[in-house]
Amino acid sequence: MTFTSKHDGELTYVCIAYLHYVMFQIAPSSSPGQPTPVATTASSFTIKWTEISCLDRNGVIIGYTIRYGPVDTSPTTILHTSTDRSRVISGLNPFTNYSVSVGGVNSAGFGGYSAIAFIRTTEDSKCTAARI
């Protein structure tokens, strides 16, 4: 803002600057802990992970992204819109090695992914029964 004043016949311009502090939120600056399998079947697995440290959340975590897929293929990414730190991944192939990693999401965006965990689905029960 600029104000003018007149003193002794001289026009003086006074410029007043306002310090405007705006805090911009950024995406999480670290990732959750490496996912851990807690249950595995022939067509699904359940994973859990630890939360992002308080200092690295850069806001409130509103969800997670999960990347998974058979090893040596392009992963599928899903948005886990819950703050629960576990998820069932289903529709998988039996006796297949999968890679999985997890990233945090806040209102500013997506953070980086965790270290990759490797999980193998179990053998189909029909195959197991045929060998007995």
Protein backbone atom coordinates (compact mmCIF):
# COMPACT_ATOMS: atom_id res chain seq x y z
CA MET A 1 0.00 0.00 0.00
CA THR A 2 1.20 3.48 -0.68
CA PHE A 3 0.19 6.55 1.28
CA THR A 4 0.99 10.15 0.47
CA SER A 5 1.44 13.05 2.85
CA LYS A 6 2.29 16.70 2.44
CA HIS A 7 4.80 18.27 4.79
CA ASP A 8 6.05 21.80 4.31
CA GLY A 9 4.73 21.86 0.77
CA GLU A 10 6.58 18.70 -0.30
CA LEU A 11 4.72 15.67 -1.36
CA THR A 12 6.11 12.60 0.38
CA TYR A 13 5.34 9.05 -0.60
CA VAL A 14 5.41 6.56 2.18
CA CYS A 15 5.43 2.96 1.19
CA ILE A 16 4.32 0.51 3.82
CA ALA A 17 5.19 -3.09 3.23
CA TYR A 18 3.27 -5.80 4.90
CA LEU A 19 4.95 -8.97 5.83
CA HIS A 20 2.64 -11.61 4.59
CA TYR A 21 3.45 -15.04 5.91
CA VAL A 22 1.78 -17.90 4.16
CA MET A 23 2.63 -21.45 5.00
CA PHE A 24 2.45 -23.70 2.00
CA GLN A 25 1.86 -27.34 2.71
CA ILE A 26 4.00 -29.88 0.90
CA ALA A 27 3.59 -33.59 0.29
CA PRO A 28 4.99 -36.02 2.87
CA SER A 29 8.78 -35.89 2.82
CA SER A 30 9.35 -39.53 3.78
CA SER A 31 7.54 -42.78 3.31
CA PRO A 32 5.75 -45.22 5.58
CA GLY A 33 7.63 -48.25 6.85
CA GLN A 34 8.16 -51.21 4.55
CA PRO A 35 4.93 -53.23 4.25
CA THR A 36 4.74 -56.53 6.09
CA PRO A 37 2.50 -59.42 5.04
CA VAL A 38 0.15 -60.53 7.80
CA ALA A 39 -1.97 -63.06 5.89
CA THR A 40 -1.56 -64.72 2.53
CA THR A 41 -3.85 -66.93 0.45
CA ALA A 42 -3.68 -68.21 -3.13
CA SER A 43 -5.50 -65.12 -4.43
CA SER A 44 -4.77 -62.36 -1.89
CA PHE A 45 -2.47 -60.98 0.75
CA THR A 46 -2.95 -58.57 3.61
CA ILE A 47 -0.23 -56.07 4.33
CA LYS A 48 0.37 -53.63 7.16
CA TRP A 49 2.86 -50.79 7.51
CA THR A 50 4.06 -48.25 10.05
CA GLU A 51 3.11 -44.62 9.82
CA ILE A 52 5.23 -41.76 8.53
CA SER A 53 7.14 -39.97 11.29
CA CYS A 54 5.41 -36.87 12.65
CA LEU A 55 8.08 -34.50 11.37
CA ASP A 56 7.83 -35.84 7.82
CA ARG A 57 4.04 -35.88 7.40
CA ASN A 58 3.88 -32.16 6.50
CA GLY A 59 0.21 -32.13 7.39
CA VAL A 60 -2.46 -34.70 8.08
CA ILE A 61 -2.12 -38.04 6.29
CA ILE A 62 -5.43 -38.62 4.50
CA GLY A 63 -4.62 -41.90 2.79
CA TYR A 64 -1.99 -44.04 1.15
CA THR A 65 -1.03 -45.21 -2.31
CA ILE A 66 -0.11 -48.85 -2.74
CA ARG A 67 1.96 -50.12 -5.65
CA TYR A 68 1.97 -53.84 -6.26
CA GLY A 69 2.37 -56.38 -9.02
CA PRO A 70 4.04 -59.61 -9.98
CA VAL A 71 7.82 -59.28 -9.80
CA ASP A 72 9.37 -58.14 -13.12
CA THR A 73 6.17 -56.47 -14.36
CA SER A 74 4.88 -52.92 -14.17
CA PRO A 75 3.10 -52.40 -10.86
CA THR A 76 -0.53 -51.41 -10.39
CA THR A 77 -1.18 -48.40 -8.17
CA ILE A 78 -4.27 -48.08 -6.00
CA LEU A 79 -5.36 -45.27 -3.73
CA HIS A 80 -6.14 -46.45 -0.20
CA THR A 81 -8.45 -43.67 1.00
CA SER A 82 -8.37 -44.72 4.61
CA THR A 83 -5.90 -43.84 7.32
CA ASP A 84 -5.90 -47.49 8.42
CA ARG A 85 -2.41 -48.88 7.96
CA SER A 86 -3.40 -52.23 6.47
CA ARG A 87 -4.98 -53.40 3.25
CA VAL A 88 -6.13 -56.62 1.61
CA ILE A 89 -4.94 -56.94 -1.99
CA SER A 90 -7.08 -59.48 -3.83
CA GLY A 91 -7.59 -60.90 -7.31
CA LEU A 92 -4.03 -62.26 -7.43
CA ASN A 93 -2.56 -65.35 -9.07
CA PRO A 94 -1.66 -68.39 -6.97
CA PHE A 95 1.97 -69.20 -6.15
CA THR A 96 3.23 -65.91 -7.61
CA ASN A 97 5.88 -63.53 -6.26
CA TYR A 98 4.62 -59.98 -5.83
CA SER A 99 6.36 -56.74 -4.97
CA VAL A 100 4.53 -54.13 -2.91
CA SER A 101 5.35 -50.65 -1.57
CA VAL A 102 3.33 -47.92 0.15
CA GLY A 103 3.34 -44.11 0.00
CA GLY A 104 1.58 -41.49 2.13
CA VAL A 105 -0.85 -38.84 0.89
CA ASN A 106 -1.75 -35.50 2.46
CA SER A 107 -3.82 -32.62 1.07
CA ALA A 108 -0.78 -31.29 -0.82
CA GLY A 109 -0.05 -34.51 -2.68
CA PHE A 110 1.70 -37.85 -2.78
CA GLY A 111 4.88 -38.69 -0.89
CA GLY A 112 7.55 -41.20 -1.86
CA TYR A 113 7.18 -44.95 -1.63
CA SER A 114 8.51 -47.26 1.05
CA ALA A 115 11.11 -49.93 0.50
CA ILE A 116 9.71 -52.79 -1.56
CA ALA A 117 8.49 -55.92 0.17
CA PHE A 118 8.26 -59.25 -1.63
CA ILE A 119 5.34 -61.57 -0.96
CA ARG A 120 4.41 -64.91 -2.52
CA THR A 121 0.81 -65.99 -2.70
CA THR A 122 0.18 -69.56 -1.60
CA GLU A 123 -0.42 -72.49 -3.85
CA ASP A 124 -3.98 -73.12 -4.98
CA SER A 125 -5.63 -75.62 -2.61
CA LYS A 126 -6.75 -77.76 -5.59
CA CYS A 127 -3.11 -78.24 -6.58
CA THR A 128 -2.10 -79.09 -3.03
CA ALA A 129 -4.92 -81.66 -2.72
CA ALA A 130 -3.97 -83.29 -6.03
CA ARG A 131 -0.47 -84.07 -4.73
CA ILE A 132 -1.70 -85.77 -1.56
